[in-house]
């Protein structure tokens, strides 16, 4: 049985855990304010808030209900736009109307839900962060100027009206940003009896995030039999052990993006991962799911290949490890046994004389799949490359580790001619195909340019861009 709170109602259902949450909301509970748009996690019309108890506090995040299995709301609070509605419009809803932020209205519930989620999660407010929280919500007819004004207006209403700076939730309720029932959600979640018994993997559908699975295979997942393993709390978290950083396989991309530990070692980390999907997608997608999905253009795999990461697998009490660069045997073919799951991924803490860079070419800067992407990690000593790892995506059936290119560059000094020759070697390692994202020749050119970009960006004093071309 799945038990959760839907807006103000306690729900118990024996529907299959692989049921799509959006279908349950609209078809079972007739809460049609949550819209079905693209059903791919792109438009944001189906956005809901998912609240979970974390150390005694309810933390909310925006997610796409069209890509979420019902089993993953077990023991949590699901908030649709109806769960925000009160006798009068909330300040967020009123601002959207007053500033002309809604026209046909189809996308409006998603914007309202995401913006309300921003207020629930943040007490230090500013318009830039509020607008960032709307990433993944698309409006086709209104334009975004009115929506941005609505975000700024909502912040002003809150800042000018809050009576008690010590209790953020009470402030939101008193100013009608959220209904009164939010008072009791923490206590009610604590009272829900959630079945956390381990599930037999041999008879289960294993889903970690599902942000691509529920696009590609949602019908077969819904019709499939068996239980569901997803978002195992034992497989989450980012930690340091000695000289190694460990990331649990169920850790979300947003958690990885916002990790202070990773940002400490990689100053551009937050910027790199901002190119991965939207906030609702990053709130659900996991590193384990990204690795096992085996997309040749996966951004996260691309970065972790350059960090020479290790994949740790387990089957019950049996465990083994394999380098990520050896994990992919062919298109969607893995060096993984049927009953094994990815437990974590790990890599060595970078040295002080190290450099990391990630480059991605796509039709849009944000919220788009790469045509070609590439990452590089370099360590230098006395001007020579002592350690180097380069990855390339979109140029082969698997996420590529450029073995020959790295071998050539090792122990070399960095100069224009060396980089040109390395780019020529990389061209012989790849096997791109022509598809919707570009011709094979175009992708070869892109990879060359991305390799050049790595060195131009990291070592501008050593490489002459004009001579490279």
Protein backbone atom coordinates (compact mmCIF):
# COMPACT_ATOMS: atom_id res chain seq x y z
CA UNK A 1 0.00 0.00 0.00
CA UNK A 2 1.15 3.51 -0.81
CA UNK A 3 0.37 6.16 1.80
CA UNK A 4 0.84 9.88 1.35
CA UNK A 5 -0.83 13.26 1.75
CA UNK A 6 -2.33 14.84 -1.37
CA UNK A 7 -2.91 18.52 -0.63
CA UNK A 8 -5.03 18.27 2.56
CA UNK A 9 -6.11 14.63 2.17
CA UNK A 10 -4.54 11.44 3.50
CA UNK A 11 -4.34 8.95 0.62
CA UNK A 12 -3.96 5.17 0.72
CA UNK A 13 -3.87 3.29 -2.57
CA UNK A 14 -2.92 -0.16 -3.79
CA UNK A 15 -2.35 0.96 -7.39
CA UNK A 16 0.92 -0.29 -8.91
CA UNK A 17 3.85 1.84 -7.68
CA UNK A 18 4.95 2.39 -11.29
CA UNK A 19 1.70 4.28 -12.02
CA UNK A 20 2.44 7.79 -13.28
CA UNK A 21 1.66 10.35 -10.57
CA UNK A 22 0.15 12.76 -13.11
CA UNK A 23 -2.40 10.11 -14.16
CA UNK A 24 -3.33 9.46 -10.53
CA UNK A 25 -3.81 13.17 -9.86
CA UNK A 26 -5.92 13.86 -12.94
CA UNK A 27 -7.78 10.60 -13.56
CA UNK A 28 -8.18 9.11 -10.09
CA UNK A 29 -8.59 12.30 -8.05
CA UNK A 30 -9.86 14.60 -10.83
CA UNK A 31 -7.47 17.39 -9.87
CA UNK A 32 -7.23 18.74 -13.38
CA UNK A 33 -5.49 22.00 -12.51
CA UNK A 34 -2.28 20.02 -13.00
CA UNK A 35 -2.01 19.88 -16.78
CA UNK A 36 -0.72 17.24 -19.15
CA UNK A 37 1.45 18.95 -21.77
CA UNK A 38 4.52 17.40 -23.30
CA UNK A 39 4.68 14.37 -20.95
CA UNK A 40 8.45 14.61 -21.28
CA UNK A 41 9.35 16.97 -18.44
CA UNK A 42 9.97 19.91 -20.76
CA UNK A 43 6.97 22.23 -20.40
CA UNK A 44 6.34 22.34 -16.64
CA UNK A 45 2.55 22.27 -16.97
CA UNK A 46 2.40 19.21 -14.70
CA UNK A 47 4.62 20.64 -11.95
CA UNK A 48 3.78 19.70 -8.37
CA UNK A 49 5.56 20.21 -5.06
CA UNK A 50 6.85 17.18 -3.21
CA UNK A 51 7.35 17.61 0.53
CA UNK A 52 9.47 15.23 2.58
CA UNK A 53 10.53 15.13 6.21
CA UNK A 54 14.23 15.93 6.51
CA UNK A 55 15.60 16.08 10.05
CA UNK A 56 12.24 17.09 11.49
CA UNK A 57 11.46 19.73 8.86
CA UNK A 58 9.35 19.41 5.72
CA UNK A 59 11.44 20.26 2.66
CA UNK A 60 9.69 20.88 -0.66
CA UNK A 61 10.95 20.58 -4.20
CA UNK A 62 9.31 21.08 -7.58
CA UNK A 63 9.06 17.97 -9.75
CA UNK A 64 7.39 16.91 -13.00
CA UNK A 65 4.48 14.65 -12.07
CA UNK A 66 4.43 13.24 -15.63
CA UNK A 67 7.79 11.52 -14.98
CA UNK A 68 7.22 10.41 -11.41
CA UNK A 69 6.18 6.92 -10.26
CA UNK A 70 3.41 6.88 -7.70
CA UNK A 71 5.51 4.69 -5.42
CA UNK A 72 7.96 7.51 -4.90
CA UNK A 73 5.41 9.70 -3.08
CA UNK A 74 5.08 7.11 -0.32
CA UNK A 75 5.25 8.92 3.02
CA UNK A 76 5.41 12.36 1.42
CA UNK A 77 3.26 15.44 0.79
CA UNK A 78 2.10 16.11 -2.77
CA UNK A 79 0.91 19.67 -3.46
CA UNK A 80 -0.97 20.48 -6.67
CA UNK A 81 -2.25 23.94 -7.61
CA UNK A 82 -5.56 23.03 -5.92
CA UNK A 83 -3.61 22.57 -2.69
CA UNK A 84 -2.56 26.23 -2.84
CA UNK A 85 -6.06 27.56 -3.53
CA UNK A 86 -7.86 29.49 -0.79
CA UNK A 87 -11.00 31.64 -0.60
CA UNK A 88 -9.12 34.47 -2.29
CA UNK A 89 -6.16 34.34 -4.65
CA UNK A 90 -2.80 33.89 -2.97
CA UNK A 91 -0.29 36.76 -3.44
CA UNK A 92 1.49 34.70 -6.10
CA UNK A 93 -1.74 33.98 -7.98
CA UNK A 94 -2.91 37.60 -7.71
CA UNK A 95 0.45 38.93 -8.93
CA UNK A 96 0.30 36.64 -11.96
CA UNK A 97 -3.11 38.10 -12.84
CA UNK A 98 -2.28 41.73 -12.04
CA UNK A 99 0.97 41.72 -14.04
CA UNK A 100 -0.50 39.99 -17.09
CA UNK A 101 1.45 36.79 -16.41
CA UNK A 102 -1.32 34.55 -17.68
CA UNK A 103 -3.16 34.38 -21.00
CA UNK A 104 -4.57 31.01 -22.05
CA UNK A 105 -3.76 29.78 -18.53
CA UNK A 106 -2.57 26.30 -19.48
CA UNK A 107 0.95 26.85 -18.14
CA UNK A 108 -0.07 29.10 -15.24
CA UNK A 109 -0.59 26.36 -12.59
CA UNK A 110 2.98 25.16 -13.10
CA UNK A 111 4.38 28.66 -12.65
CA UNK A 112 2.26 29.26 -9.56
CA UNK A 113 3.29 25.95 -7.99
CA UNK A 114 7.01 26.49 -8.69
CA UNK A 115 6.93 30.07 -7.40
CA UNK A 116 5.10 28.99 -4.24
CA UNK A 117 7.74 26.31 -3.78
CA UNK A 118 10.40 29.01 -3.92
CA UNK A 119 8.74 30.82 -1.01
CA UNK A 120 8.38 27.60 0.97
CA UNK A 121 12.07 26.78 0.66
CA UNK A 122 13.66 30.21 1.05
CA UNK A 123 13.49 32.90 3.71
CA UNK A 124 16.15 35.11 2.09
CA UNK A 125 14.38 36.18 -1.07
CA UNK A 126 15.49 37.95 -4.24
CA UNK A 127 13.94 38.25 -7.72
CA UNK A 128 16.86 36.54 -9.50
CA UNK A 129 16.58 33.34 -7.45
CA UNK A 130 12.78 33.42 -7.74
CA UNK A 131 13.06 33.53 -11.53
CA UNK A 132 15.68 30.75 -11.46
CA UNK A 133 13.19 28.59 -9.54
CA UNK A 134 10.85 28.82 -12.55
CA UNK A 135 13.33 27.05 -14.83
CA UNK A 136 11.52 24.23 -16.60
CA UNK A 137 8.20 26.11 -16.78
CA UNK A 138 7.40 27.16 -20.33
CA UNK A 139 4.82 29.73 -21.45
CA UNK A 140 3.98 29.79 -25.15
CA UNK A 141 1.68 32.80 -25.38
CA UNK A 142 2.14 35.32 -22.55
CA UNK A 143 5.83 36.09 -22.61
CA UNK A 144 7.96 36.16 -19.52
CA UNK A 145 8.10 39.87 -18.63
CA UNK A 146 4.81 39.76 -16.73
CA UNK A 147 5.80 36.54 -14.97
CA UNK A 148 9.09 38.09 -13.85
CA UNK A 149 7.22 41.12 -12.53
CA UNK A 150 4.85 38.80 -10.68
CA UNK A 151 7.82 37.14 -8.97
CA UNK A 152 9.23 40.52 -7.88
CA UNK A 153 5.80 41.72 -6.71
CA UNK A 154 5.28 38.56 -4.65
CA UNK A 155 8.61 39.07 -2.91
CA UNK A 156 7.70 42.69 -2.11
CA UNK A 157 4.37 41.62 -0.64
CA UNK A 158 6.08 39.08 1.57
CA UNK A 159 8.93 41.34 2.70
CA UNK A 160 6.60 44.23 3.48
CA UNK A 161 3.99 42.14 5.26
CA UNK A 162 5.76 39.45 7.27
CA UNK A 163 4.92 39.89 10.97
CA UNK A 164 7.41 37.43 12.50
CA UNK A 165 10.88 36.96 11.01
CA UNK A 166 11.54 33.95 13.27
CA UNK A 167 8.94 31.59 11.82
CA UNK A 168 8.97 31.46 8.04
CA UNK A 169 6.08 28.99 7.70
CA UNK A 170 3.86 31.08 9.97
CA UNK A 171 4.67 34.16 7.91
CA UNK A 172 3.64 32.41 4.70
CA UNK A 173 0.37 31.22 6.22
CA UNK A 174 -0.50 34.59 7.77
CA UNK A 175 0.09 36.34 4.43
CA UNK A 176 -2.02 33.70 2.61
CA UNK A 177 0.83 32.41 0.44
CA UNK A 178 -0.22 28.91 1.54
CA UNK A 179 -3.37 27.56 3.27
CA UNK A 180 -3.70 26.92 7.00
CA UNK A 181 -3.45 23.14 6.66
CA UNK A 182 0.32 23.46 6.10
CA UNK A 183 0.51 23.96 9.90
CA UNK A 184 -0.13 20.26 10.43
CA UNK A 185 1.79 18.65 7.58
CA UNK A 186 4.96 17.89 9.54
CA UNK A 187 3.00 16.13 12.29
CA UNK A 188 0.82 14.27 9.80
CA UNK A 189 3.84 13.01 7.86
CA UNK A 190 5.34 11.74 11.09
CA UNK A 191 2.15 9.78 11.76
CA UNK A 192 2.02 8.05 8.37
CA UNK A 193 3.11 4.44 8.66
CA UNK A 194 5.36 3.82 5.67
CA UNK A 195 6.38 0.31 4.66
CA UNK A 196 10.15 0.49 4.28
CA UNK A 197 10.84 -3.24 4.00
CA UNK A 198 13.48 -4.15 1.45
CA UNK A 199 12.15 -5.29 -1.89
CA UNK A 200 13.31 -8.41 -3.69
CA UNK A 201 15.30 -7.01 -6.59
CA UNK A 202 14.75 -10.09 -8.72
CA UNK A 203 11.01 -9.33 -9.03
CA UNK A 204 11.19 -5.58 -9.10
CA UNK A 205 11.40 -2.67 -11.46
CA UNK A 206 14.46 -0.67 -10.43
CA UNK A 207 14.00 3.04 -11.11
CA UNK A 208 16.30 5.79 -9.92
CA UNK A 209 14.76 9.09 -10.92
CA UNK A 210 13.13 7.84 -14.12
CA UNK A 211 13.37 11.17 -15.94
CA UNK A 212 14.30 9.39 -19.17
CA UNK A 213 12.67 6.02 -18.55
CA UNK A 214 9.25 7.64 -18.14
CA UNK A 215 9.75 9.41 -21.46
CA UNK A 216 10.96 6.40 -23.42
CA UNK A 217 9.16 3.48 -21.75
CA UNK A 218 6.36 4.80 -19.56
CA UNK A 219 3.67 2.55 -21.05
CA UNK A 220 5.66 -0.64 -20.47
CA UNK A 221 6.60 0.52 -16.96
CA UNK A 222 2.96 1.17 -16.06
CA UNK A 223 1.84 -2.20 -17.48
CA UNK A 224 4.75 -4.07 -15.91
CA UNK A 225 4.38 -6.26 -12.86
CA UNK A 226 6.43 -6.21 -9.69
CA UNK A 227 7.46 -3.66 -7.14
CA UNK A 228 9.56 -0.57 -7.49
CA UNK A 229 12.88 0.41 -5.97
CA UNK A 230 13.53 4.10 -6.24
CA UNK A 231 15.32 6.83 -4.31
CA UNK A 232 16.68 4.44 -1.65
CA UNK A 233 17.76 6.73 1.20
CA UNK A 234 20.67 4.40 1.97
CA UNK A 235 22.09 5.19 -1.46
CA UNK A 236 22.00 8.97 -1.14
CA UNK A 237 24.58 11.46 0.04
CA UNK A 238 27.97 12.94 -0.80
CA UNK A 239 30.92 12.29 1.48
CA UNK A 240 34.69 12.32 1.69
CA UNK A 241 36.64 9.29 2.87
CA UNK A 242 40.37 9.94 3.03
CA UNK A 243 41.38 11.09 -0.45
CA UNK A 244 38.17 9.85 -2.07
CA UNK A 245 34.81 11.50 -2.71
CA UNK A 246 31.79 9.19 -2.71
CA UNK A 247 28.38 9.94 -4.21
CA UNK A 248 25.47 7.58 -3.52
CA UNK A 249 23.73 6.41 -6.66
CA UNK A 250 20.31 7.78 -5.60
CA UNK A 251 21.73 11.27 -4.97
CA UNK A 252 19.90 13.74 -7.21
CA UNK A 253 21.65 15.96 -9.72
CA UNK A 254 20.43 19.04 -7.84
CA UNK A 255 22.01 17.73 -4.65
CA UNK A 256 25.25 17.14 -6.54
CA UNK A 257 25.01 20.58 -8.15
CA UNK A 258 24.55 22.38 -4.82
CA UNK A 259 27.12 20.32 -2.89
CA UNK A 260 29.49 22.60 -0.96
CA UNK A 261 32.08 19.80 -0.91
CA UNK A 262 32.16 19.54 -4.71
CA UNK A 263 32.02 23.32 -5.16
CA UNK A 264 35.06 23.57 -2.87
CA UNK A 265 37.19 21.53 -5.26
CA UNK A 266 35.61 22.71 -8.52
CA UNK A 267 34.81 26.46 -8.51
CA UNK A 268 32.74 26.28 -11.72
CA UNK A 269 30.80 23.21 -10.60
CA UNK A 270 27.46 25.00 -10.16
CA UNK A 271 27.75 26.60 -13.61
CA UNK A 272 28.55 23.29 -15.29
CA UNK A 273 25.58 21.49 -13.77
CA UNK A 274 23.21 24.37 -14.54
CA UNK A 275 23.38 23.05 -18.12
CA UNK A 276 21.81 19.78 -17.01
CA UNK A 277 18.04 19.83 -17.54
CA UNK A 278 15.74 22.06 -15.50
CA UNK A 279 15.33 22.37 -11.73
CA UNK A 280 12.37 19.91 -11.61
CA UNK A 281 14.39 17.41 -13.65
CA UNK A 282 17.50 17.86 -11.49
CA UNK A 283 15.31 17.39 -8.41
CA UNK A 284 14.45 13.88 -9.63
CA UNK A 285 17.30 12.68 -11.87
CA UNK A 286 20.01 10.73 -10.05
CA UNK A 287 23.64 10.00 -10.78
CA UNK A 288 22.98 6.25 -10.68
CA UNK A 289 20.15 6.56 -13.18
CA UNK A 290 22.29 8.74 -15.41
CA UNK A 291 25.12 6.20 -15.42
CA UNK A 292 22.94 3.15 -16.06
CA UNK A 293 20.85 4.94 -18.69
CA UNK A 294 24.05 4.96 -20.73
CA UNK A 295 23.16 7.87 -22.99
CA UNK A 296 26.07 8.65 -25.32
CA UNK A 297 25.45 12.37 -24.67
CA UNK A 298 24.83 12.27 -20.91
CA UNK A 299 26.32 15.37 -19.27
CA UNK A 300 26.96 13.82 -15.86
CA UNK A 301 28.66 10.72 -17.22
CA UNK A 302 30.77 13.00 -19.39
CA UNK A 303 32.04 14.94 -16.37
CA UNK A 304 32.64 11.88 -14.21
CA UNK A 305 34.54 10.14 -16.99
CA UNK A 306 36.98 13.05 -16.92
CA UNK A 307 37.32 12.57 -13.16
CA UNK A 308 38.36 8.95 -13.82
CA UNK A 309 35.53 7.75 -11.60
CA UNK A 310 34.81 4.27 -10.32
CA UNK A 311 31.38 2.61 -10.32
CA UNK A 312 30.60 0.46 -7.28
CA UNK A 313 28.07 -2.34 -7.86
CA UNK A 314 26.26 -4.58 -5.42
CA UNK A 315 24.07 -7.67 -5.56
CA UNK A 316 22.86 -8.38 -2.05
CA UNK A 317 26.06 -8.65 -0.01
CA UNK A 318 28.27 -9.11 -3.06
CA UNK A 319 30.14 -6.00 -4.17
CA UNK A 320 32.57 -5.16 -6.93
CA UNK A 321 34.01 -2.04 -8.57
CA UNK A 322 34.79 -1.08 -12.15
CA UNK A 323 36.19 2.07 -13.73
CA UNK A 324 33.45 4.13 -15.37
CA UNK A 325 35.42 4.20 -18.64
CA UNK A 326 35.19 0.38 -18.75
CA UNK A 327 31.50 0.25 -17.79
CA UNK A 328 30.12 0.71 -21.31
CA UNK A 329 30.49 -2.21 -23.74
CA UNK A 330 28.26 -0.94 -26.55
CA UNK A 331 25.12 1.06 -27.16
CA UNK A 332 23.02 0.68 -23.98
CA UNK A 333 25.14 -2.35 -23.07
CA UNK A 334 26.77 -2.34 -19.64
CA UNK A 335 29.38 -4.28 -17.72
CA UNK A 336 26.70 -5.03 -15.14
CA UNK A 337 24.99 -8.26 -14.17
CA UNK A 338 21.21 -8.47 -14.19
CA UNK A 339 20.65 -8.27 -10.44
CA UNK A 340 23.40 -5.77 -9.69
CA UNK A 341 22.56 -2.19 -8.87
CA UNK A 342 24.88 0.80 -8.75
CA UNK A 343 25.61 1.55 -5.10
CA UNK A 344 27.80 4.64 -5.52
CA UNK A 345 30.34 6.39 -7.70
CA UNK A 346 33.69 7.61 -6.42
CA UNK A 347 36.75 9.57 -7.57
CA UNK A 348 39.98 10.87 -6.11
CA UNK A 349 40.11 14.35 -4.63
CA UNK A 350 41.84 16.62 -7.17
CA UNK A 351 45.36 17.85 -6.53
CA UNK A 352 46.15 21.53 -6.00
CA UNK A 353 47.67 21.77 -9.48
CA UNK A 354 44.62 20.39 -11.26
CA UNK A 355 42.14 21.84 -13.74
CA UNK A 356 38.62 20.73 -14.75
CA UNK A 357 36.51 22.03 -17.61
CA UNK A 358 33.20 21.02 -19.20
CA UNK A 359 31.99 22.15 -22.62
CA UNK A 360 28.64 21.51 -24.26
CA UNK A 361 27.19 22.43 -27.65
CA UNK A 362 23.41 22.32 -27.99
CA UNK A 363 20.76 24.21 -29.94
CA UNK A 364 19.73 26.00 -26.74
CA UNK A 365 22.10 26.97 -23.95
CA UNK A 366 19.77 25.61 -21.27
CA UNK A 367 17.19 22.82 -21.13
CA UNK A 368 18.59 21.01 -24.13
CA UNK A 369 20.38 17.80 -25.07
CA UNK A 370 23.96 18.11 -26.24
CA UNK A 371 24.96 17.69 -29.84
CA UNK A 372 28.49 17.10 -28.58
CA UNK A 373 29.92 17.54 -25.09
CA UNK A 374 33.37 17.09 -23.62
CA UNK A 375 35.14 17.28 -20.26
CA UNK A 376 38.81 17.44 -19.34
CA UNK A 377 40.79 16.97 -16.14
CA UNK A 378 44.50 17.88 -16.07
CA UNK A 379 47.23 17.85 -13.45
CA UNK A 380 50.51 19.70 -14.14
CA UNK A 381 53.98 19.47 -12.64
CA UNK A 382 56.83 21.70 -13.75
CA UNK A 383 54.87 22.68 -16.83
CA UNK A 384 54.20 19.11 -18.00
CA UNK A 385 50.94 17.18 -18.02
CA UNK A 386 51.26 14.40 -15.45
CA UNK A 387 47.62 13.30 -15.38
CA UNK A 388 44.96 13.84 -18.03
CA UNK A 389 41.48 12.46 -18.68
CA UNK A 390 39.28 13.60 -21.59
CA UNK A 391 35.73 12.51 -22.38
CA UNK A 392 33.56 13.05 -25.43
CA UNK A 393 29.81 12.62 -25.86
CA UNK A 394 27.68 12.46 -29.01
CA UNK A 395 30.49 11.04 -31.14
CA UNK A 396 30.12 7.29 -30.53
CA UNK A 397 27.50 4.74 -29.43
CA UNK A 398 28.77 5.07 -25.85
CA UNK A 399 30.07 7.87 -23.63
CA UNK A 400 33.69 8.04 -24.83
CA UNK A 401 36.92 8.17 -22.87
CA UNK A 402 39.61 9.36 -25.31
CA UNK A 403 42.33 6.89 -24.40
CA UNK A 404 44.72 7.55 -27.29
CA UNK A 405 44.42 11.32 -27.01
CA UNK A 406 45.19 11.17 -23.30
CA UNK A 407 48.16 8.87 -23.87
CA UNK A 408 49.63 11.29 -26.39
CA UNK A 409 49.22 14.33 -24.14
CA UNK A 410 50.65 12.71 -21.02
CA UNK A 411 54.12 14.10 -20.18
CA UNK A 412 53.79 16.79 -22.84
CA UNK A 413 54.08 20.54 -22.35
CA UNK A 414 51.08 22.56 -23.46
CA UNK A 415 51.51 24.51 -26.69
CA UNK A 416 49.52 25.20 -29.84
CA UNK A 417 51.03 22.49 -32.05
CA UNK A 418 50.65 19.82 -29.37
CA UNK A 419 46.96 20.61 -28.97
CA UNK A 420 46.40 20.58 -32.73
CA UNK A 421 47.98 17.14 -33.00
CA UNK A 422 45.96 15.87 -30.03
CA UNK A 423 42.75 17.02 -31.73
CA UNK A 424 43.74 15.07 -34.85
CA UNK A 425 44.25 11.94 -32.75
CA UNK A 426 40.84 12.37 -31.12
CA UNK A 427 39.20 12.47 -34.55
CA UNK A 428 40.47 8.94 -35.19
CA UNK A 429 39.09 7.65 -31.89
CA UNK A 430 35.47 8.60 -32.50
CA UNK A 431 32.72 7.29 -34.78
CA UNK A 432 29.92 9.88 -34.96
CA UNK A 433 26.78 9.37 -37.01
CA UNK A 434 24.51 11.85 -38.73
CA UNK A 435 21.23 12.45 -36.90
CA UNK A 436 18.85 15.22 -35.83
CA UNK A 437 21.60 16.92 -33.84
CA UNK A 438 23.99 17.24 -36.78
CA UNK A 439 25.98 15.43 -39.42
CA UNK A 440 28.92 13.19 -38.60
CA UNK A 441 31.30 15.74 -40.12
CA UNK A 442 29.78 18.52 -38.06
CA UNK A 443 30.21 16.51 -34.86
CA UNK A 444 33.86 15.87 -35.65
CA UNK A 445 34.33 19.59 -36.07
CA UNK A 446 32.50 20.29 -32.82
CA UNK A 447 34.69 17.91 -30.84
CA UNK A 448 37.82 19.51 -32.26
CA UNK A 449 36.52 22.93 -31.26
CA UNK A 450 35.62 21.75 -27.77
CA UNK A 451 39.11 20.31 -27.27
CA UNK A 452 40.54 23.62 -28.38
CA UNK A 453 38.13 25.41 -26.01
CA UNK A 454 39.37 23.37 -23.05
CA UNK A 455 42.94 24.55 -23.50
CA UNK A 456 42.09 28.10 -24.55
CA UNK A 457 39.96 28.51 -21.44
CA UNK A 458 42.30 26.79 -18.98
CA UNK A 459 45.67 27.91 -20.40
CA UNK A 460 45.12 31.11 -22.42
CA UNK A 461 48.76 32.12 -22.00
CA UNK A 462 50.02 28.89 -23.58
CA UNK A 463 47.72 28.47 -26.59
CA UNK A 464 47.22 30.83 -29.53
CA UNK A 465 43.58 30.57 -30.74
CA UNK A 466 44.38 32.05 -34.15
CA UNK A 467 47.14 29.52 -34.82
CA UNK A 468 44.87 26.67 -33.74
CA UNK A 469 42.53 27.60 -36.58
